[in-house]
Amino acid sequence: MNRPFRSLALTTAMIMATSSIPAAAQSQDEAAVRSVALRQADSWNRHDAGAYAALFTEDCDVVNVVGWWWKGRAEVERKLTAAFSFVFRDSRLTITDVQVRFLAPQIALAHARWSMVGAKTPAGIPEPREGIQTLVLTRQAGQWLIAGFQNTHSVPERPFPMGPNATGAKP
């Protein structure tokens, strides 16, 4: 092989090797973020409020499925401890899909679809059956933690009505 081609081949190999490092690192980070979302179900199903809260940053913001806003890991643990004593004592959470997008190397946005059975909600509060979580995660000291969390109850999507007569809605 002549010298220019050898140099080109060596340069190409070096570029390929260094360009795959970020992809590999991102793949590891994506797996770690997915793991956090999936560990929610594990700690939830053990009804372990401490383990569940440990998935969050100390200063997290959590909006639960009925719109209650909890601030900080300690409040998440305190509220879930109470909830696991009756309302969610027999509940089972299943995470069915997790999609991850990186906003920056240390910040990830994840959406997790979930389903639940066994909740005993009081009158006036809808029973959580399935929904979508929006999670903003940050990497702190090499660990991915949830900094922001919004849980939304979902129903199957259907087309918007095309007018008041389409659904009997008032104008």
N, C-alpha and C. Protein backbone atom coordinates (compact mmCIF):
# COMPACT_ATOMS: atom_id res chain seq x y z
N MET A 1 0.87 -1.17 0.00
CA MET A 1 0.00 0.00 0.00
C MET A 1 0.91 1.23 0.00
N ASN A 2 0.58 2.18 -0.89
CA ASN A 2 1.45 3.37 -0.92
C ASN A 2 1.14 4.29 0.24
N ARG A 3 2.04 5.20 0.49
CA ARG A 3 2.00 6.04 1.68
C ARG A 3 0.72 6.89 1.78
N PRO A 4 0.23 7.60 0.73
CA PRO A 4 -1.00 8.40 0.89
C PRO A 4 -2.21 7.55 1.27
N PHE A 5 -2.32 6.37 0.68
CA PHE A 5 -3.47 5.53 0.99
C PHE A 5 -3.38 4.96 2.40
N ARG A 6 -2.17 4.61 2.83
CA ARG A 6 -1.97 4.11 4.18
C ARG A 6 -2.34 5.20 5.19
N SER A 7 -1.92 6.42 4.93
CA SER A 7 -2.23 7.55 5.80
C SER A 7 -3.74 7.79 5.85
N LEU A 8 -4.39 7.73 4.69
CA LEU A 8 -5.84 7.92 4.63
C LEU A 8 -6.56 6.80 5.41
N ALA A 9 -6.10 5.58 5.23
CA ALA A 9 -6.72 4.45 5.93
C ALA A 9 -6.55 4.59 7.44
N LEU A 10 -5.35 4.98 7.88
CA LEU A 10 -5.09 5.17 9.30
C LEU A 10 -5.96 6.29 9.87
N THR A 11 -6.04 7.40 9.15
CA THR A 11 -6.87 8.53 9.60
C THR A 11 -8.33 8.12 9.68
N THR A 12 -8.83 7.41 8.67
CA THR A 12 -10.22 6.96 8.67
C THR A 12 -10.49 6.03 9.85
N ALA A 13 -9.57 5.12 10.11
CA ALA A 13 -9.74 4.19 11.23
C ALA A 13 -9.78 4.94 12.56
N MET A 14 -8.93 5.96 12.71
CA MET A 14 -8.92 6.73 13.96
C MET A 14 -10.22 7.50 14.13
N ILE A 15 -10.72 8.09 13.05
CA ILE A 15 -11.98 8.84 13.13
C ILE A 15 -13.12 7.90 13.49
N MET A 16 -13.16 6.74 12.85
CA MET A 16 -14.23 5.78 13.14
C MET A 16 -14.15 5.32 14.61
N ALA A 17 -12.97 5.07 15.10
CA ALA A 17 -12.82 4.61 16.47
C ALA A 17 -13.25 5.67 17.47
N THR A 18 -12.86 6.92 17.24
CA THR A 18 -13.21 7.98 18.19
C THR A 18 -14.66 8.40 18.06
N SER A 19 -15.26 8.30 16.87
CA SER A 19 -16.65 8.71 16.72
C SER A 19 -17.60 7.69 17.34
N SER A 20 -17.16 6.45 17.51
CA SER A 20 -18.05 5.45 18.11
C SER A 20 -18.06 5.55 19.63
N ILE A 21 -17.09 6.22 20.22
CA ILE A 21 -17.06 6.35 21.68
C ILE A 21 -18.28 7.10 22.20
N PRO A 22 -18.62 8.27 21.64
CA PRO A 22 -19.82 8.94 22.14
C PRO A 22 -21.08 8.11 21.94
N ALA A 23 -21.17 7.40 20.82
CA ALA A 23 -22.35 6.57 20.59
C ALA A 23 -22.44 5.46 21.63
N ALA A 24 -21.31 4.86 21.97
CA ALA A 24 -21.30 3.81 22.98
C ALA A 24 -21.65 4.38 24.34
N ALA A 25 -21.10 5.55 24.66
CA ALA A 25 -21.42 6.19 25.94
C ALA A 25 -22.89 6.55 26.01
N GLN A 26 -23.43 7.07 24.90
CA GLN A 26 -24.85 7.43 24.89
C GLN A 26 -25.70 6.18 25.03
N SER A 27 -25.28 5.09 24.41
CA SER A 27 -26.02 3.84 24.53
C SER A 27 -26.04 3.37 25.98
N GLN A 28 -24.91 3.49 26.68
CA GLN A 28 -24.85 3.12 28.10
C GLN A 28 -25.74 4.05 28.93
N ASP A 29 -25.70 5.34 28.62
CA ASP A 29 -26.54 6.29 29.35
C ASP A 29 -28.02 6.02 29.09
N GLU A 30 -28.34 5.70 27.85
CA GLU A 30 -29.74 5.39 27.53
C GLU A 30 -30.21 4.17 28.31
N ALA A 31 -29.37 3.16 28.40
CA ALA A 31 -29.72 1.96 29.17
C ALA A 31 -29.88 2.31 30.65
N ALA A 32 -29.02 3.19 31.16
CA ALA A 32 -29.11 3.59 32.57
C ALA A 32 -30.40 4.37 32.84
N VAL A 33 -30.77 5.25 31.91
CA VAL A 33 -32.02 6.02 32.06
C VAL A 33 -33.21 5.07 32.02
N ARG A 34 -33.22 4.15 31.08
CA ARG A 34 -34.30 3.16 31.01
C ARG A 34 -34.38 2.36 32.31
N SER A 35 -33.23 2.03 32.86
CA SER A 35 -33.19 1.27 34.10
C SER A 35 -33.85 2.03 35.25
N VAL A 36 -33.63 3.33 35.31
CA VAL A 36 -34.28 4.13 36.36
C VAL A 36 -35.80 4.03 36.21
N ALA A 37 -36.29 4.19 34.98
CA ALA A 37 -37.74 4.11 34.75
C ALA A 37 -38.27 2.73 35.13
N LEU A 38 -37.54 1.69 34.80
CA LEU A 38 -37.99 0.34 35.11
C LEU A 38 -37.87 0.02 36.61
N ARG A 39 -36.87 0.59 37.27
CA ARG A 39 -36.73 0.37 38.72
C ARG A 39 -37.86 1.01 39.50
N GLN A 40 -38.53 1.99 38.90
CA GLN A 40 -39.72 2.54 39.56
C GLN A 40 -40.71 1.42 39.84
N ALA A 41 -40.95 0.59 38.82
CA ALA A 41 -41.93 -0.48 38.98
C ALA A 41 -41.48 -1.47 40.05
N ASP A 42 -40.20 -1.80 40.06
CA ASP A 42 -39.69 -2.74 41.06
C ASP A 42 -39.91 -2.21 42.47
N SER A 43 -39.50 -0.97 42.73
CA SER A 43 -39.65 -0.43 44.09
C SER A 43 -41.13 -0.20 44.42
N TRP A 44 -41.92 0.21 43.42
CA TRP A 44 -43.36 0.40 43.64
C TRP A 44 -44.01 -0.93 44.02
N ASN A 45 -43.69 -1.98 43.30
CA ASN A 45 -44.33 -3.27 43.54
C ASN A 45 -43.88 -3.92 44.84
N ARG A 46 -42.76 -3.48 45.39
CA ARG A 46 -42.35 -3.90 46.74
C ARG A 46 -42.94 -2.96 47.78
N HIS A 47 -43.62 -1.92 47.32
CA HIS A 47 -44.22 -0.89 48.18
C HIS A 47 -43.17 -0.29 49.10
N ASP A 48 -42.03 0.00 48.50
CA ASP A 48 -40.86 0.53 49.20
C ASP A 48 -40.70 2.01 48.84
N ALA A 49 -41.31 2.87 49.63
CA ALA A 49 -41.29 4.31 49.34
C ALA A 49 -39.87 4.87 49.37
N GLY A 50 -39.02 4.35 50.25
CA GLY A 50 -37.64 4.82 50.33
C GLY A 50 -36.86 4.52 49.06
N ALA A 51 -37.00 3.29 48.56
CA ALA A 51 -36.30 2.91 47.33
C ALA A 51 -36.85 3.69 46.14
N TYR A 52 -38.16 3.90 46.11
CA TYR A 52 -38.76 4.67 45.02
C TYR A 52 -38.24 6.11 45.06
N ALA A 53 -38.27 6.72 46.22
CA ALA A 53 -37.82 8.11 46.36
C ALA A 53 -36.33 8.26 46.04
N ALA A 54 -35.55 7.22 46.28
CA ALA A 54 -34.11 7.28 46.01
C ALA A 54 -33.81 7.41 44.52
N LEU A 55 -34.79 7.18 43.67
CA LEU A 55 -34.61 7.35 42.22
C LEU A 55 -34.66 8.81 41.81
N PHE A 56 -34.99 9.70 42.76
CA PHE A 56 -35.19 11.13 42.48
C PHE A 56 -34.06 11.96 43.09
N THR A 57 -33.85 13.15 42.53
CA THR A 57 -32.90 14.09 43.11
C THR A 57 -33.47 14.63 44.42
N GLU A 58 -32.60 15.14 45.27
CA GLU A 58 -33.05 15.71 46.55
C GLU A 58 -34.07 16.82 46.34
N ASP A 59 -33.90 17.62 45.28
CA ASP A 59 -34.76 18.78 45.04
C ASP A 59 -35.75 18.56 43.90
N CYS A 60 -36.18 17.32 43.70
CA CYS A 60 -37.06 16.99 42.58
C CYS A 60 -38.42 17.67 42.68
N ASP A 61 -39.08 17.73 41.54
CA ASP A 61 -40.47 18.15 41.44
C ASP A 61 -41.26 16.98 40.86
N VAL A 62 -42.31 16.58 41.55
CA VAL A 62 -43.13 15.45 41.13
C VAL A 62 -44.58 15.90 41.08
N VAL A 63 -45.20 15.73 39.92
CA VAL A 63 -46.64 15.95 39.80
C VAL A 63 -47.24 14.59 39.53
N ASN A 64 -48.04 14.11 40.48
CA ASN A 64 -48.57 12.76 40.35
C ASN A 64 -49.77 12.72 39.40
N VAL A 65 -50.33 11.55 39.26
CA VAL A 65 -51.36 11.30 38.25
C VAL A 65 -52.64 12.11 38.48
N VAL A 66 -52.89 12.56 39.69
CA VAL A 66 -54.07 13.39 39.94
C VAL A 66 -53.72 14.87 40.08
N GLY A 67 -52.46 15.23 39.81
CA GLY A 67 -52.07 16.63 39.79
C GLY A 67 -51.53 17.18 41.10
N TRP A 68 -51.24 16.33 42.06
CA TRP A 68 -50.67 16.80 43.32
C TRP A 68 -49.17 17.03 43.11
N TRP A 69 -48.68 18.17 43.55
CA TRP A 69 -47.30 18.59 43.31
C TRP A 69 -46.49 18.38 44.58
N TRP A 70 -45.53 17.46 44.51
CA TRP A 70 -44.66 17.16 45.63
C TRP A 70 -43.27 17.71 45.33
N LYS A 71 -42.67 18.34 46.31
CA LYS A 71 -41.37 18.99 46.12
C LYS A 71 -40.33 18.34 47.02
N GLY A 72 -39.35 17.72 46.39
CA GLY A 72 -38.24 17.13 47.12
C GLY A 72 -38.42 15.65 47.40
N ARG A 73 -37.29 14.98 47.46
CA ARG A 73 -37.26 13.53 47.70
C ARG A 73 -37.95 13.16 49.01
N ALA A 74 -37.73 13.95 50.05
CA ALA A 74 -38.32 13.63 51.36
C ALA A 74 -39.85 13.64 51.30
N GLU A 75 -40.42 14.60 50.57
CA GLU A 75 -41.88 14.64 50.46
C GLU A 75 -42.40 13.46 49.64
N VAL A 76 -41.69 13.10 48.57
CA VAL A 76 -42.09 11.94 47.76
C VAL A 76 -42.12 10.70 48.66
N GLU A 77 -41.09 10.50 49.45
CA GLU A 77 -41.05 9.33 50.32
C GLU A 77 -42.16 9.37 51.36
N ARG A 78 -42.38 10.52 51.97
CA ARG A 78 -43.41 10.65 53.00
C ARG A 78 -44.81 10.38 52.42
N LYS A 79 -45.11 10.96 51.28
CA LYS A 79 -46.43 10.80 50.68
C LYS A 79 -46.65 9.36 50.21
N LEU A 80 -45.61 8.75 49.62
CA LEU A 80 -45.77 7.36 49.16
C LEU A 80 -45.84 6.38 50.32
N THR A 81 -45.16 6.66 51.40
CA THR A 81 -45.27 5.81 52.59
C THR A 81 -46.73 5.75 53.03
N ALA A 82 -47.37 6.91 53.07
CA ALA A 82 -48.80 6.96 53.44
C ALA A 82 -49.66 6.25 52.40
N ALA A 83 -49.36 6.47 51.12
CA ALA A 83 -50.16 5.87 50.05
C ALA A 83 -50.03 4.34 50.04
N PHE A 84 -48.83 3.83 50.32
CA PHE A 84 -48.63 2.39 50.33
C PHE A 84 -49.30 1.71 51.52
N SER A 85 -49.69 2.48 52.52
CA SER A 85 -50.33 1.86 53.69
C SER A 85 -51.75 1.40 53.38
N PHE A 86 -52.41 1.98 52.37
CA PHE A 86 -53.75 1.52 52.01
C PHE A 86 -54.04 1.65 50.51
N VAL A 87 -54.03 2.87 50.00
CA VAL A 87 -54.48 3.12 48.62
C VAL A 87 -53.71 2.24 47.62
N PHE A 88 -52.39 2.17 47.75
CA PHE A 88 -51.58 1.41 46.80
C PHE A 88 -50.99 0.13 47.40
N ARG A 89 -51.52 -0.30 48.55
CA ARG A 89 -50.97 -1.48 49.23
C ARG A 89 -50.97 -2.72 48.33
N ASP A 90 -52.00 -2.90 47.54
CA ASP A 90 -52.11 -4.08 46.68
C ASP A 90 -51.86 -3.76 45.21
N SER A 91 -51.34 -2.59 44.94
CA SER A 91 -51.17 -2.18 43.54
C SER A 91 -49.93 -2.81 42.92
N ARG A 92 -50.00 -2.97 41.59
CA ARG A 92 -48.90 -3.48 40.79
C ARG A 92 -48.72 -2.53 39.61
N LEU A 93 -47.52 -1.98 39.50
CA LEU A 93 -47.17 -1.05 38.42
C LEU A 93 -46.34 -1.80 37.38
N THR A 94 -46.70 -1.62 36.12
CA THR A 94 -45.94 -2.21 35.02
C THR A 94 -45.53 -1.09 34.08
N ILE A 95 -44.24 -0.97 33.81
CA ILE A 95 -43.74 -0.02 32.82
C ILE A 95 -43.69 -0.79 31.51
N THR A 96 -44.43 -0.32 30.50
CA THR A 96 -44.55 -1.07 29.26
C THR A 96 -43.68 -0.55 28.13
N ASP A 97 -43.21 0.69 28.22
CA ASP A 97 -42.38 1.27 27.15
C ASP A 97 -41.65 2.47 27.72
N VAL A 98 -40.39 2.61 27.37
CA VAL A 98 -39.61 3.78 27.78
C VAL A 98 -38.89 4.31 26.55
N GLN A 99 -39.09 5.59 26.27
CA GLN A 99 -38.39 6.23 25.16
C GLN A 99 -37.54 7.35 25.74
N VAL A 100 -36.31 7.45 25.26
CA VAL A 100 -35.31 8.36 25.82
C VAL A 100 -34.77 9.27 24.74
N ARG A 101 -34.61 10.54 25.11
CA ARG A 101 -33.95 11.52 24.24
C ARG A 101 -33.05 12.37 25.12
N PHE A 102 -31.82 12.62 24.65
CA PHE A 102 -30.88 13.42 25.42
C PHE A 102 -30.98 14.88 25.02
N LEU A 103 -31.18 15.74 26.01
CA LEU A 103 -31.23 17.18 25.77
C LEU A 103 -29.83 17.78 25.86
N ALA A 104 -28.98 17.13 26.62
CA ALA A 104 -27.58 17.49 26.80
C ALA A 104 -26.90 16.24 27.36
N PRO A 105 -25.57 16.19 27.38
CA PRO A 105 -24.92 14.97 27.89
C PRO A 105 -25.33 14.59 29.31
N GLN A 106 -25.70 15.55 30.15
CA GLN A 106 -26.06 15.27 31.54
C GLN A 106 -27.57 15.34 31.80
N ILE A 107 -28.37 15.54 30.74
CA ILE A 107 -29.83 15.71 30.90
C ILE A 107 -30.56 14.83 29.89
N ALA A 108 -31.49 14.03 30.39
CA ALA A 108 -32.27 13.15 29.52
C ALA A 108 -33.76 13.41 29.74
N LEU A 109 -34.51 13.30 28.66
CA LEU A 109 -35.97 13.36 28.70
C LEU A 109 -36.46 11.96 28.38
N ALA A 110 -37.31 11.42 29.24
CA ALA A 110 -37.85 10.08 29.00
C ALA A 110 -39.36 10.13 29.12
N HIS A 111 -40.01 9.30 28.33
CA HIS A 111 -41.44 9.08 28.43
C HIS A 111 -41.65 7.60 28.68
N ALA A 112 -42.42 7.29 29.70
CA ALA A 112 -42.66 5.89 30.07
C ALA A 112 -44.16 5.63 30.09
N ARG A 113 -44.57 4.64 29.34
CA ARG A 113 -45.97 4.18 29.40
C ARG A 113 -46.08 3.18 30.53
N TRP A 114 -47.20 3.24 31.24
CA TRP A 114 -47.39 2.36 32.38
C TRP A 114 -48.82 1.87 32.46
N SER A 115 -49.00 0.80 33.22
CA SER A 115 -50.33 0.31 33.57
C SER A 115 -50.29 -0.09 35.04
N MET A 116 -51.46 -0.08 35.67
CA MET A 116 -51.53 -0.41 37.09
C MET A 116 -52.82 -1.16 37.38
N VAL A 117 -52.71 -2.09 38.30
CA VAL A 117 -53.88 -2.79 38.83
C VAL A 117 -53.78 -2.76 40.35
N GLY A 118 -54.94 -2.89 41.02
CA GLY A 118 -54.95 -3.07 42.46
C GLY A 118 -55.02 -1.82 43.31
N ALA A 119 -55.09 -0.64 42.71
CA ALA A 119 -55.20 0.59 43.51
C ALA A 119 -56.61 0.70 44.09
N LYS A 120 -56.71 1.25 45.31
CA LYS A 120 -58.01 1.46 45.97
C LYS A 120 -58.18 2.96 46.20
N THR A 121 -58.59 3.66 45.18
CA THR A 121 -58.68 5.11 45.29
C THR A 121 -59.97 5.53 45.97
N PRO A 122 -59.91 6.61 46.73
CA PRO A 122 -61.13 7.11 47.39
C PRO A 122 -62.08 7.73 46.37
N ALA A 123 -63.32 7.92 46.80
CA ALA A 123 -64.33 8.53 45.94
C ALA A 123 -63.84 9.89 45.45
N GLY A 124 -64.10 10.17 44.20
CA GLY A 124 -63.73 11.46 43.62
C GLY A 124 -62.35 11.48 42.99
N ILE A 125 -61.58 10.42 43.16
CA ILE A 125 -60.25 10.33 42.54
C ILE A 125 -60.27 9.16 41.57
N PRO A 126 -59.98 9.41 40.30
CA PRO A 126 -60.03 8.31 39.33
C PRO A 126 -58.98 7.24 39.62
N GLU A 127 -59.35 6.00 39.39
CA GLU A 127 -58.43 4.89 39.59
C GLU A 127 -57.36 4.91 38.50
N PRO A 128 -56.10 4.93 38.89
CA PRO A 128 -55.05 4.92 37.87
C PRO A 128 -54.95 3.54 37.22
N ARG A 129 -55.15 3.51 35.91
CA ARG A 129 -55.08 2.24 35.19
C ARG A 129 -53.96 2.22 34.17
N GLU A 130 -53.80 3.32 33.45
CA GLU A 130 -52.70 3.42 32.51
C GLU A 130 -52.41 4.88 32.23
N GLY A 131 -51.17 5.14 31.85
CA GLY A 131 -50.80 6.52 31.60
C GLY A 131 -49.41 6.64 31.00
N ILE A 132 -48.96 7.88 31.00
CA ILE A 132 -47.64 8.21 30.47
C ILE A 132 -46.95 9.12 31.48
N GLN A 133 -45.72 8.78 31.80
CA GLN A 133 -44.89 9.61 32.65
C GLN A 133 -43.93 10.40 31.77
N THR A 134 -43.71 11.64 32.13
CA THR A 134 -42.64 12.43 31.54
C THR A 134 -41.59 12.62 32.63
N LEU A 135 -40.37 12.20 32.34
CA LEU A 135 -39.29 12.26 33.33
C LEU A 135 -38.14 13.09 32.76
N VAL A 136 -37.65 14.02 33.54
CA VAL A 136 -36.41 14.73 33.22
C VAL A 136 -35.38 14.21 34.20
N LEU A 137 -34.32 13.61 33.66
CA LEU A 137 -33.29 13.00 34.51
C LEU A 137 -31.98 13.76 34.34
N THR A 138 -31.24 13.83 35.42
CA THR A 138 -29.91 14.44 35.38
C THR A 138 -28.90 13.42 35.90
N ARG A 139 -27.71 13.51 35.35
CA ARG A 139 -26.64 12.62 35.83
C ARG A 139 -25.87 13.37 36.90
N GLN A 140 -25.87 12.82 38.10
CA GLN A 140 -25.18 13.42 39.24
C GLN A 140 -24.23 12.38 39.81
N ALA A 141 -22.97 12.73 39.87
CA ALA A 141 -21.93 11.82 40.39
C ALA A 141 -22.00 10.46 39.69
N GLY A 142 -22.26 10.48 38.38
CA GLY A 142 -22.29 9.26 37.59
C GLY A 142 -23.58 8.48 37.66
N GLN A 143 -24.57 9.00 38.36
CA GLN A 143 -25.84 8.29 38.55
C GLN A 143 -26.97 9.11 37.96
N TRP A 144 -27.85 8.46 37.20
CA TRP A 144 -29.02 9.14 36.64
C TRP A 144 -30.14 9.16 37.66
N LEU A 145 -30.67 10.37 37.94
CA LEU A 145 -31.76 10.54 38.89
C LEU A 145 -32.85 11.39 38.26
N ILE A 146 -34.06 11.20 38.72
CA ILE A 146 -35.22 11.94 38.20
C ILE A 146 -35.29 13.29 38.90
N ALA A 147 -35.21 14.37 38.13
CA ALA A 147 -35.30 15.73 38.68
C ALA A 147 -36.71 16.30 38.52
N GLY A 148 -37.38 15.92 37.44
CA GLY A 148 -38.74 16.37 37.18
C GLY A 148 -39.58 15.20 36.71
N PHE A 149 -40.83 15.14 37.19
CA PHE A 149 -41.68 13.98 36.93
C PHE A 149 -43.11 14.46 36.80
N GLN A 150 -43.75 14.12 35.71
CA GLN A 150 -45.17 14.43 35.48
C GLN A 150 -45.85 13.14 35.08
N ASN A 151 -46.87 12.75 35.81
CA ASN A 151 -47.59 11.52 35.53
C ASN A 151 -48.98 11.89 35.02
N THR A 152 -49.36 11.31 33.90
CA THR A 152 -50.63 11.65 33.28
C THR A 152 -51.42 10.39 33.01
N HIS A 153 -52.64 10.36 33.51
CA HIS A 153 -53.56 9.27 33.21
C HIS A 153 -53.93 9.39 31.74
N SER A 154 -53.98 8.29 31.03
CA SER A 154 -54.28 8.38 29.60
C SER A 154 -55.48 7.53 29.23
N VAL A 155 -56.15 7.96 28.21
CA VAL A 155 -57.25 7.22 27.61
C VAL A 155 -56.90 7.06 26.13
N PRO A 156 -57.47 6.08 25.45
CA PRO A 156 -57.14 5.92 24.03
C PRO A 156 -57.44 7.20 23.25
N GLU A 157 -56.52 7.55 22.37
CA GLU A 157 -56.70 8.76 21.56
C GLU A 157 -57.77 8.52 20.51
N ARG A 158 -58.52 9.57 20.24
CA ARG A 158 -59.53 9.52 19.18
C ARG A 158 -59.57 10.88 18.52
N PRO A 159 -60.14 10.98 17.34
CA PRO A 159 -60.15 12.27 16.63
C PRO A 159 -60.94 13.33 17.39
N PHE A 160 -60.51 14.57 17.23
CA PHE A 160 -61.26 15.68 17.80
C PHE A 160 -62.60 15.81 17.08
N PRO A 161 -63.67 16.18 17.79
CA PRO A 161 -64.95 16.41 17.11
C PRO A 161 -64.81 17.53 16.09
N MET A 162 -65.56 17.44 15.01
CA MET A 162 -65.50 18.44 13.95
C MET A 162 -66.55 19.52 14.12
N GLY A 163 -67.27 19.49 15.21
CA GLY A 163 -68.27 20.51 15.49
C GLY A 163 -69.17 20.07 16.62
N PRO A 164 -70.07 20.94 17.10
CA PRO A 164 -70.91 20.60 18.26
C PRO A 164 -71.86 19.46 17.99
N ASN A 165 -72.33 19.29 16.78
CA ASN A 165 -73.30 18.22 16.49
C ASN A 165 -72.64 16.84 16.41
N ALA A 166 -71.33 16.83 16.24
CA ALA A 166 -70.62 15.56 16.10
C ALA A 166 -70.65 14.74 17.40
N THR A 167 -70.70 15.40 18.54
CA THR A 167 -70.68 14.66 19.81
C THR A 167 -71.80 15.08 20.75
N GLY A 168 -72.61 15.98 20.34
CA GLY A 168 -73.65 16.47 21.21
C GLY A 168 -73.15 17.57 22.13
N ALA A 169 -71.92 18.03 21.91
CA ALA A 169 -71.35 19.10 22.74
C ALA A 169 -72.06 20.40 22.48
N LYS A 170 -72.12 21.24 23.49
CA LYS A 170 -72.75 22.56 23.34
C LYS A 170 -71.80 23.50 22.62
N PRO A 171 -72.34 24.38 21.77
CA PRO A 171 -71.48 25.33 21.05
C PRO A 171 -70.78 26.32 21.96
